[in-house]
Amino acid sequence: MPMQPDFLTVGEPLRRAMTTPEPFVSAAEAAKFLSISRRHLLQLARRGLKGAYALGSAGQRKTYIFRLSELAATVAGGVRK
């Protein structure tokens, strides 16, 4: 049987990383990551910033959580939801 090249072999740490979902972060952490104020980040989130997820139902004050990878991609590409 032919051997697989090394670049096709996935080690256990990488396999685990590929199956572990990225955690959500708070508005404060996301704002620090983007080097903007928390208030400005929340304004962007209310306008539909990709990577921002609202918690709570209609009529309630919403809490937002964020995924840093999606925020980074949004900033890099200038993309909105």
Protein backbone atom coordinates (compact mmCIF):
# COMPACT_ATOMS: atom_id res chain seq x y z
CA MET A 1 0.00 0.00 0.00
CA PRO A 2 1.47 3.45 -0.93
CA MET A 3 2.30 5.82 1.91
CA GLN A 4 0.49 9.14 2.19
CA PRO A 5 2.58 12.29 1.96
CA ASP A 6 3.09 14.05 5.32
CA PHE A 7 0.95 17.02 4.32
CA LEU A 8 -2.09 14.73 4.00
CA THR A 9 -1.65 13.24 7.46
CA VAL A 10 -3.62 15.02 10.16
CA GLY A 11 -2.23 14.71 13.68
CA GLU A 12 -4.44 14.46 16.75
CA PRO A 13 -4.06 18.12 17.90
CA LEU A 14 -5.02 19.39 14.45
CA ARG A 15 -7.90 16.91 14.15
CA ARG A 16 -9.22 18.07 17.54
CA ALA A 17 -8.86 21.74 16.53
CA MET A 18 -10.78 21.13 13.32
CA THR A 19 -13.73 19.61 15.20
CA THR A 20 -13.80 22.06 18.12
CA PRO A 21 -16.10 25.00 17.36
CA GLU A 22 -14.75 28.50 17.82
CA PRO A 23 -15.99 30.03 21.07
CA PHE A 24 -18.05 33.19 21.19
CA VAL A 25 -16.59 36.25 22.90
CA SER A 26 -18.12 39.23 24.66
CA ALA A 27 -18.54 42.69 23.16
CA ALA A 28 -15.66 43.96 25.30
CA GLU A 29 -13.29 41.27 24.00
CA ALA A 30 -14.41 41.76 20.39
CA ALA A 31 -14.00 45.55 20.63
CA LYS A 32 -10.51 45.14 22.02
CA PHE A 33 -9.67 42.72 19.17
CA LEU A 34 -10.83 45.31 16.60
CA SER A 35 -9.31 48.27 18.49
CA ILE A 36 -12.61 50.14 18.63
CA SER A 37 -14.89 51.14 21.49
CA ARG A 38 -17.45 48.68 22.81
CA ARG A 39 -20.17 51.25 22.13
CA HIS A 40 -19.19 51.58 18.45
CA LEU A 41 -19.04 47.79 18.07
CA LEU A 42 -22.57 47.45 19.46
CA GLN A 43 -23.81 50.14 17.05
CA LEU A 44 -22.31 48.14 14.18
CA ALA A 45 -23.87 44.93 15.53
CA ARG A 46 -27.33 46.54 15.61
CA ARG A 47 -26.83 47.51 11.94
CA GLY A 48 -26.05 43.89 10.97
CA LEU A 49 -22.30 43.43 11.35
CA LYS A 50 -21.34 39.94 10.21
CA GLY A 51 -19.96 37.94 13.13
CA ALA A 52 -22.35 39.51 15.66
CA TYR A 53 -25.10 37.35 17.13
CA ALA A 54 -27.97 38.78 19.17
CA LEU A 55 -29.28 36.92 22.19
CA GLY A 56 -32.81 37.61 23.42
CA SER A 57 -36.19 37.91 21.76
CA ALA A 58 -37.94 40.82 20.06
CA GLY A 59 -38.88 43.62 22.40
CA GLN A 60 -36.13 42.75 24.87
CA ARG A 61 -32.81 44.46 25.18
CA LYS A 62 -30.37 42.35 23.19
CA THR A 63 -27.02 41.03 24.31
CA TYR A 64 -24.53 40.45 21.53
CA ILE A 65 -21.84 37.80 21.29
CA PHE A 66 -19.19 37.63 18.60
CA ARG A 67 -16.92 35.26 16.67
CA LEU A 68 -13.49 36.77 16.15
CA SER A 69 -12.75 34.90 12.92
CA GLU A 70 -15.94 36.26 11.32
CA LEU A 71 -15.18 39.79 12.52
CA ALA A 72 -11.66 39.55 11.09
CA ALA A 73 -13.03 38.33 7.74
CA THR A 74 -15.60 41.13 7.74
CA VAL A 75 -12.98 43.78 8.38
CA ALA A 76 -10.64 42.29 5.76
CA GLY A 77 -13.36 42.08 3.12
CA GLY A 78 -15.62 44.95 4.08
CA VAL A 79 -18.62 42.57 4.10
CA ARG A 80 -21.92 42.98 5.95
CA LYS A 81 -24.73 40.47 6.48
